[in-house]
Amino acid sequence: MSSLFLMVTITDRRSTDAFLQLYQQRGVDVNLRTVGSGTAVRETLATLGLEKTEKAVLLAIWSAHVGRIGYCSSHFLY
């Protein structure tokens, strides 16, 4: 029996297509794509150097035999 993997990606909406393209290149199908918005207060965002933006949420489930995806900081490795 092969292992299953679950990946949830939360990103700004502008980056959604780049993530979808990467997943498609690696043979990973996105099972759910929806929109979201953060709930952090302005002070928390300012402390972390972030801005309030509309988000996209991607959910992908795949088995071990599908391509490999690597992630480090804000850059993809594979």
PDB file of N, CA and C in Angstrom:
ATOM      1  N   MET A   1       0.845  -1.167   0.000  1.00  0.00           N
ATOM      2  CA  MET A   1       0.000   0.000   0.000  1.00  0.00           C
ATOM      3  C   MET A   1       0.893   1.234   0.000  1.00  0.00           C
ATOM      4  N   SER A   2       0.591   2.210  -0.855  1.00  0.00           N
ATOM      5  CA  SER A   2       1.418   3.410  -0.910  1.00  0.00           C
ATOM      6  C   SER A   2       0.918   4.453   0.089  1.00  0.00           C
ATOM      7  N   SER A   3       1.804   5.327   0.471  1.00  0.00           N
ATOM      8  CA  SER A   3       1.478   6.389   1.412  1.00  0.00           C
ATOM      9  C   SER A   3       0.719   7.509   0.713  1.00  0.00           C
ATOM     10  N   LEU A   4      -0.108   8.192   1.472  1.00  0.00           N
ATOM     11  CA  LEU A   4      -0.801   9.371   0.966  1.00  0.00           C
ATOM     12  C   LEU A   4      -0.210  10.610   1.611  1.00  0.00           C
ATOM     13  N   PHE A   5      -0.151  11.680   0.854  1.00  0.00           N
ATOM     14  CA  PHE A   5       0.361  12.943   1.342  1.00  0.00           C
ATOM     15  C   PHE A   5      -0.705  14.008   1.169  1.00  0.00           C
ATOM     16  N   LEU A   6      -0.774  14.916   2.118  1.00  0.00           N
ATOM     17  CA  LEU A   6      -1.705  16.034   2.067  1.00  0.00           C
ATOM     18  C   LEU A   6      -0.892  17.313   2.146  1.00  0.00           C
ATOM     19  N   MET A   7      -1.164  18.222   1.237  1.00  0.00           N
ATOM     20  CA  MET A   7      -0.479  19.507   1.269  1.00  0.00           C
ATOM     21  C   MET A   7      -1.519  20.613   1.173  1.00  0.00           C
ATOM     22  N   VAL A   8      -1.435  21.556   2.104  1.00  0.00           N
ATOM     23  CA  VAL A   8      -2.282  22.734   2.077  1.00  0.00           C
ATOM     24  C   VAL A   8      -1.372  23.925   1.803  1.00  0.00           C
ATOM     25  N   THR A   9      -1.687  24.664   0.767  1.00  0.00           N
ATOM     26  CA  THR A   9      -0.903  25.841   0.399  1.00  0.00           C
ATOM     27  C   THR A   9      -1.776  27.074   0.588  1.00  0.00           C
ATOM     28  N   ILE A  10      -1.271  28.025   1.352  1.00  0.00           N
ATOM     29  CA  ILE A  10      -1.949  29.307   1.515  1.00  0.00           C
ATOM     30  C   ILE A  10      -1.009  30.361   0.944  1.00  0.00           C
ATOM     31  N   THR A  11      -1.481  31.066  -0.053  1.00  0.00           N
ATOM     32  CA  THR A  11      -0.640  32.041  -0.743  1.00  0.00           C
ATOM     33  C   THR A  11      -1.470  33.252  -1.147  1.00  0.00           C
ATOM     34  N   ASP A  12      -0.803  34.318  -1.544  1.00  0.00           N
ATOM     35  CA  ASP A  12      -1.553  35.445  -2.071  1.00  0.00           C
ATOM     36  C   ASP A  12      -2.129  35.032  -3.420  1.00  0.00           C
ATOM     37  N   ARG A  13      -3.211  35.635  -3.793  1.00  0.00           N
ATOM     38  CA  ARG A  13      -3.914  35.206  -5.009  1.00  0.00           C
ATOM     39  C   ARG A  13      -3.097  35.385  -6.270  1.00  0.00           C
ATOM     40  N   ARG A  14      -2.181  36.350  -6.282  1.00  0.00           N
ATOM     41  CA  ARG A  14      -1.342  36.562  -7.466  1.00  0.00           C
ATOM     42  C   ARG A  14      -0.439  35.366  -7.751  1.00  0.00           C
ATOM     43  N   SER A  15      -0.057  34.609  -6.730  1.00  0.00           N
ATOM     44  CA  SER A  15       0.870  33.489  -6.893  1.00  0.00           C
ATOM     45  C   SER A  15       0.180  32.160  -7.177  1.00  0.00           C
ATOM     46  N   THR A  16      -1.130  32.140  -7.165  1.00  0.00           N
ATOM     47  CA  THR A  16      -1.881  30.891  -7.305  1.00  0.00           C
ATOM     48  C   THR A  16      -1.529  30.136  -8.580  1.00  0.00           C
ATOM     49  N   ASP A  17      -1.514  30.814  -9.708  1.00  0.00           N
ATOM     50  CA  ASP A  17      -1.245  30.142 -10.985  1.00  0.00           C
ATOM     51  C   ASP A  17       0.151  29.523 -11.017  1.00  0.00           C
ATOM     52  N   ALA A  18       1.130  30.179 -10.410  1.00  0.00           N
ATOM     53  CA  ALA A  18       2.491  29.623 -10.371  1.00  0.00           C
ATOM     54  C   ALA A  18       2.511  28.331  -9.566  1.00  0.00           C
ATOM     55  N   PHE A  19       1.803  28.289  -8.446  1.00  0.00           N
ATOM     56  CA  PHE A  19       1.731  27.065  -7.652  1.00  0.00           C
ATOM     57  C   PHE A  19       1.021  25.963  -8.429  1.00  0.00           C
ATOM     58  N   LEU A  20      -0.090  26.297  -9.073  1.00  0.00           N
ATOM     59  CA  LEU A  20      -0.824  25.294  -9.846  1.00  0.00           C
ATOM     60  C   LEU A  20       0.035  24.724 -10.971  1.00  0.00           C
ATOM     61  N   GLN A  21       0.794  25.572 -11.632  1.00  0.00           N
ATOM     62  CA  GLN A  21       1.680  25.115 -12.705  1.00  0.00           C
ATOM     63  C   GLN A  21       2.761  24.180 -12.161  1.00  0.00           C
ATOM     64  N   LEU A  22       3.348  24.535 -11.041  1.00  0.00           N
ATOM     65  CA  LEU A  22       4.367  23.686 -10.429  1.00  0.00           C
ATOM     66  C   LEU A  22       3.792  22.318 -10.073  1.00  0.00           C
ATOM     67  N   TYR A  23       2.643  22.315  -9.439  1.00  0.00           N
ATOM     68  CA  TYR A  23       2.030  21.039  -9.057  1.00  0.00           C
ATOM     69  C   TYR A  23       1.719  20.193 -10.278  1.00  0.00           C
ATOM     70  N   GLN A  24       1.197  20.825 -11.321  1.00  0.00           N
ATOM     71  CA  GLN A  24       0.876  20.090 -12.552  1.00  0.00           C
ATOM     72  C   GLN A  24       2.137  19.486 -13.169  1.00  0.00           C
ATOM     73  N   GLN A  25       3.237  20.225 -13.172  1.00  0.00           N
ATOM     74  CA  GLN A  25       4.499  19.719 -13.710  1.00  0.00           C
ATOM     75  C   GLN A  25       4.969  18.494 -12.934  1.00  0.00           C
ATOM     76  N   ARG A  26       4.656  18.429 -11.668  1.00  0.00           N
ATOM     77  CA  ARG A  26       5.078  17.320 -10.807  1.00  0.00           C
ATOM     78  C   ARG A  26       4.038  16.210 -10.707  1.00  0.00           C
ATOM     79  N   GLY A  27       2.939  16.336 -11.454  1.00  0.00           N
ATOM     80  CA  GLY A  27       1.925  15.292 -11.471  1.00  0.00           C
ATOM     81  C   GLY A  27       1.008  15.298 -10.267  1.00  0.00           C
ATOM     82  N   VAL A  28       0.940  16.425  -9.568  1.00  0.00           N
ATOM     83  CA  VAL A  28       0.077  16.533  -8.382  1.00  0.00           C
ATOM     84  C   VAL A  28      -1.160  17.333  -8.765  1.00  0.00           C
ATOM     85  N   ASP A  29      -2.327  16.727  -8.590  1.00  0.00           N
ATOM     86  CA  ASP A  29      -3.582  17.408  -8.879  1.00  0.00           C
ATOM     87  C   ASP A  29      -4.052  18.160  -7.647  1.00  0.00           C
ATOM     88  N   VAL A  30      -4.471  19.394  -7.837  1.00  0.00           N
ATOM     89  CA  VAL A  30      -5.055  20.169  -6.748  1.00  0.00           C
ATOM     90  C   VAL A  30      -6.516  19.761  -6.640  1.00  0.00           C
ATOM     91  N   ASN A  31      -6.908  19.288  -5.458  1.00  0.00           N
ATOM     92  CA  ASN A  31      -8.248  18.783  -5.252  1.00  0.00           C
ATOM     93  C   ASN A  31      -9.241  19.858  -4.839  1.00  0.00           C
ATOM     94  N   LEU A  32      -8.742  20.933  -4.242  1.00  0.00           N
ATOM     95  CA  LEU A  32      -9.614  22.016  -3.810  1.00  0.00           C
ATOM     96  C   LEU A  32      -8.875  23.337  -3.955  1.00  0.00           C
ATOM     97  N   ARG A  33      -9.562  24.309  -4.529  1.00  0.00           N
ATOM     98  CA  ARG A  33      -9.011  25.663  -4.661  1.00  0.00           C
ATOM     99  C   ARG A  33     -10.102  26.612  -4.196  1.00  0.00           C
ATOM    100  N   THR A  34      -9.789  27.441  -3.209  1.00  0.00           N
ATOM    101  CA  THR A  34     -10.774  28.375  -2.680  1.00  0.00           C
ATOM    102  C   THR A  34     -10.086  29.668  -2.289  1.00  0.00           C
ATOM    103  N   VAL A  35     -10.850  30.644  -1.904  1.00  0.00           N
ATOM    104  CA  VAL A  35     -10.293  31.927  -1.491  1.00  0.00           C
ATOM    105  C   VAL A  35     -10.369  32.050   0.021  1.00  0.00           C
ATOM    106  N   GLY A  36      -9.542  32.921   0.553  1.00  0.00           N
ATOM    107  CA  GLY A  36      -9.536  33.129   1.992  1.00  0.00           C
ATOM    108  C   GLY A  36      -9.014  34.503   2.314  1.00  0.00           C
ATOM    109  N   SER A  37      -9.133  34.860   3.571  1.00  0.00           N
ATOM    110  CA  SER A  37      -8.547  36.106   4.040  1.00  0.00           C
ATOM    111  C   SER A  37      -8.061  35.877   5.457  1.00  0.00           C
ATOM    112  N   GLY A  38      -6.997  36.546   5.794  1.00  0.00           N
ATOM    113  CA  GLY A  38      -6.410  36.372   7.118  1.00  0.00           C
ATOM    114  C   GLY A  38      -7.224  37.062   8.193  1.00  0.00           C
ATOM    115  N   THR A  39      -6.959  36.673   9.430  1.00  0.00           N
ATOM    116  CA  THR A  39      -7.664  37.269  10.556  1.00  0.00           C
ATOM    117  C   THR A  39      -6.714  37.994  11.502  1.00  0.00           C
ATOM    118  N   ALA A  40      -5.449  38.096  11.115  1.00  0.00           N
ATOM    119  CA  ALA A  40      -4.482  38.760  11.977  1.00  0.00           C
ATOM    120  C   ALA A  40      -4.792  40.258  12.067  1.00  0.00           C
ATOM    121  N   VAL A  41      -4.571  40.800  13.247  1.00  0.00           N
ATOM    122  CA  VAL A  41      -4.786  42.236  13.425  1.00  0.00           C
ATOM    123  C   VAL A  41      -3.628  43.012  12.815  1.00  0.00           C
ATOM    124  N   ARG A  42      -3.868  44.256  12.517  1.00  0.00           N
ATOM    125  CA  ARG A  42      -2.885  45.113  11.848  1.00  0.00           C
ATOM    126  C   ARG A  42      -1.551  45.153  12.581  1.00  0.00           C
ATOM    127  N   GLU A  43      -1.575  45.184  13.913  1.00  0.00           N
ATOM    128  CA  GLU A  43      -0.337  45.252  14.695  1.00  0.00           C
ATOM    129  C   GLU A  43       0.515  44.003  14.498  1.00  0.00           C
ATOM    130  N   THR A  44      -0.112  42.853  14.453  1.00  0.00           N
ATOM    131  CA  THR A  44       0.618  41.601  14.241  1.00  0.00           C
ATOM    132  C   THR A  44       1.237  41.578  12.853  1.00  0.00           C
ATOM    133  N   LEU A  45       0.478  41.986  11.858  1.00  0.00           N
ATOM    134  CA  LEU A  45       0.998  42.032  10.491  1.00  0.00           C
ATOM    135  C   LEU A  45       2.188  42.976  10.404  1.00  0.00           C
ATOM    136  N   ALA A  46       2.090  44.143  11.032  1.00  0.00           N
ATOM    137  CA  ALA A  46       3.181  45.112  11.000  1.00  0.00           C
ATOM    138  C   ALA A  46       4.425  44.556  11.682  1.00  0.00           C
ATOM    139  N   THR A  47       4.246  43.869  12.801  1.00  0.00           N
ATOM    140  CA  THR A  47       5.379  43.270  13.527  1.00  0.00           C
ATOM    141  C   THR A  47       6.103  42.252  12.662  1.00  0.00           C
ATOM    142  N   LEU A  48       5.350  41.469  11.887  1.00  0.00           N
ATOM    143  CA  LEU A  48       5.935  40.429  11.042  1.00  0.00           C
ATOM    144  C   LEU A  48       6.352  40.953   9.673  1.00  0.00           C
ATOM    145  N   GLY A  49       6.100  42.213   9.417  1.00  0.00           N
ATOM    146  CA  GLY A  49       6.468  42.787   8.116  1.00  0.00           C
ATOM    147  C   GLY A  49       5.579  42.303   6.989  1.00  0.00           C
ATOM    148  N   LEU A  50       4.332  41.994   7.295  1.00  0.00           N
ATOM    149  CA  LEU A  50       3.398  41.473   6.294  1.00  0.00           C
ATOM    150  C   LEU A  50       2.315  42.502   6.010  1.00  0.00           C
ATOM    151  N   GLU A  51       1.595  42.282   4.942  1.00  0.00           N
ATOM    152  CA  GLU A  51       0.457  43.130   4.634  1.00  0.00           C
ATOM    153  C   GLU A  51      -0.776  42.266   4.474  1.00  0.00           C
ATOM    154  N   LYS A  52      -1.914  42.870   4.713  1.00  0.00           N
ATOM    155  CA  LYS A  52      -3.164  42.127   4.581  1.00  0.00           C
ATOM    156  C   LYS A  52      -3.492  41.985   3.100  1.00  0.00           C
ATOM    157  N   THR A  53      -3.577  40.758   2.614  1.00  0.00           N
ATOM    158  CA  THR A  53      -3.898  40.501   1.216  1.00  0.00           C
ATOM    159  C   THR A  53      -4.945  39.402   1.133  1.00  0.00           C
ATOM    160  N   GLU A  54      -5.635  39.364   0.014  1.00  0.00           N
ATOM    161  CA  GLU A  54      -6.562  38.266  -0.229  1.00  0.00           C
ATOM    162  C   GLU A  54      -5.740  37.018  -0.511  1.00  0.00           C
ATOM    163  N   LYS A  55      -6.162  35.896   0.008  1.00  0.00           N
ATOM    164  CA  LYS A  55      -5.404  34.654  -0.096  1.00  0.00           C
ATOM    165  C   LYS A  55      -6.113  33.643  -0.983  1.00  0.00           C
ATOM    166  N   ALA A  56      -5.326  32.697  -1.452  1.00  0.00           N
ATOM    167  CA  ALA A  56      -5.848  31.516  -2.132  1.00  0.00           C
ATOM    168  C   ALA A  56      -5.423  30.319  -1.299  1.00  0.00           C
ATOM    169  N   VAL A  57      -6.292  29.347  -1.172  1.00  0.00           N
ATOM    170  CA  VAL A  57      -6.008  28.127  -0.420  1.00  0.00           C
ATOM    171  C   VAL A  57      -6.111  26.956  -1.387  1.00  0.00           C
ATOM    172  N   LEU A  58      -5.031  26.183  -1.489  1.00  0.00           N
ATOM    173  CA  LEU A  58      -4.983  25.017  -2.376  1.00  0.00           C
ATOM    174  C   LEU A  58      -4.796  23.773  -1.535  1.00  0.00           C
ATOM    175  N   LEU A  59      -5.557  22.731  -1.827  1.00  0.00           N
ATOM    176  CA  LEU A  59      -5.452  21.465  -1.120  1.00  0.00           C
ATOM    177  C   LEU A  59      -5.141  20.378  -2.137  1.00  0.00           C
ATOM    178  N   ALA A  60      -4.066  19.647  -1.908  1.00  0.00           N
ATOM    179  CA  ALA A  60      -3.672  18.567  -2.817  1.00  0.00           C
ATOM    180  C   ALA A  60      -3.429  17.297  -2.018  1.00  0.00           C
ATOM    181  N   ILE A  61      -3.897  16.188  -2.537  1.00  0.00           N
ATOM    182  CA  ILE A  61      -3.673  14.869  -1.951  1.00  0.00           C
ATOM    183  C   ILE A  61      -3.072  13.999  -3.038  1.00  0.00           C
ATOM    184  N   TRP A  62      -1.961  13.320  -2.731  1.00  0.00           N
ATOM    185  CA  TRP A  62      -1.336  12.458  -3.719  1.00  0.00           C
ATOM    186  C   TRP A  62      -0.668  11.279  -3.045  1.00  0.00           C
ATOM    187  N   SER A  63      -0.359  10.253  -3.846  1.00  0.00           N
ATOM    188  CA  SER A  63       0.293   9.062  -3.310  1.00  0.00           C
ATOM    189  C   SER A  63       1.796   9.144  -3.550  1.00  0.00           C
ATOM    190  N   ALA A  64       2.541   8.260  -2.918  1.00  0.00           N
ATOM    191  CA  ALA A  64       4.006   8.304  -2.933  1.00  0.00           C
ATOM    192  C   ALA A  64       4.597   8.168  -4.330  1.00  0.00           C
ATOM    193  N   HIS A  65       3.897   7.554  -5.265  1.00  0.00           N
ATOM    194  CA  HIS A  65       4.481   7.326  -6.588  1.00  0.00           C
ATOM    195  C   HIS A  65       4.441   8.571  -7.483  1.00  0.00           C
ATOM    196  N   VAL A  66       3.764   9.625  -7.047  1.00  0.00           N
ATOM    197  CA  VAL A  66       3.675  10.856  -7.834  1.00  0.00           C
ATOM    198  C   VAL A  66       4.944  11.668  -7.620  1.00  0.00           C
ATOM    199  N   GLY A  67       5.227  12.590  -8.547  1.00  0.00           N
ATOM    200  CA  GLY A  67       6.436  13.405  -8.499  1.00  0.00           C
ATOM    201  C   GLY A  67       6.720  14.044  -7.151  1.00  0.00           C
ATOM    202  N   ARG A  68       7.930  14.478  -6.991  1.00  0.00           N
ATOM    203  CA  ARG A  68       8.412  15.013  -5.732  1.00  0.00           C
ATOM    204  C   ARG A  68       8.357  16.540  -5.741  1.00  0.00           C
ATOM    205  N   ILE A  69       7.883  17.101  -4.646  1.00  0.00           N
ATOM    206  CA  ILE A  69       7.840  18.548  -4.504  1.00  0.00           C
ATOM    207  C   ILE A  69       8.675  18.915  -3.292  1.00  0.00           C
ATOM    208  N   GLY A  70       9.550  19.897  -3.453  1.00  0.00           N
ATOM    209  CA  GLY A  70      10.352  20.359  -2.328  1.00  0.00           C
ATOM    210  C   GLY A  70      10.142  21.836  -2.107  1.00  0.00           C
ATOM    211  N   TYR A  71      10.232  22.261  -0.886  1.00  0.00           N
ATOM    212  CA  TYR A  71       9.982  23.644  -0.549  1.00  0.00           C
ATOM    213  C   TYR A  71      10.971  24.093   0.509  1.00  0.00           C
ATOM    214  N   CYS A  72      11.542  25.244   0.323  1.00  0.00           N
ATOM    215  CA  CYS A  72      12.461  25.792   1.304  1.00  0.00           C
ATOM    216  C   CYS A  72      12.257  27.288   1.347  1.00  0.00           C
ATOM    217  N   SER A  73      11.898  27.805   2.489  1.00  0.00           N
ATOM    218  CA  SER A  73      11.635  29.225   2.660  1.00  0.00           C
ATOM    219  C   SER A  73      10.555  29.614   1.663  1.00  0.00           C
ATOM    220  N   SER A  74      10.826  30.560   0.779  1.00  0.00           N
ATOM    221  CA  SER A  74       9.810  30.956  -0.200  1.00  0.00           C
ATOM    222  C   SER A  74      10.206  30.545  -1.615  1.00  0.00           C
ATOM    223  N   HIS A  75      11.096  29.573  -1.733  1.00  0.00           N
ATOM    224  CA  HIS A  75      11.547  29.134  -3.056  1.00  0.00           C
ATOM    225  C   HIS A  75      11.408  27.626  -3.205  1.00  0.00           C
ATOM    226  N   PHE A  76      10.973  27.203  -4.372  1.00  0.00           N
ATOM    227  CA  PHE A  76      10.864  25.780  -4.641  1.00  0.00           C
ATOM    228  C   PHE A  76      12.220  25.210  -5.047  1.00  0.00           C
ATOM    229  N   LEU A  77      12.496  24.011  -4.587  1.00  0.00           N
ATOM    230  CA  LEU A  77      13.779  23.387  -4.864  1.00  0.00           C
ATOM    231  C   LEU A  77      13.763  22.474  -6.075  1.00  0.00           C
ATOM    232  N   TYR A  78      12.654  21.840  -6.389  1.00  0.00           N
ATOM    233  CA  TYR A  78      12.629  20.848  -7.443  1.00  0.00           C
ATOM    234  C   TYR A  78      11.891  21.338  -8.652  1.00  0.00           C
TER     235      TYR A  78
END
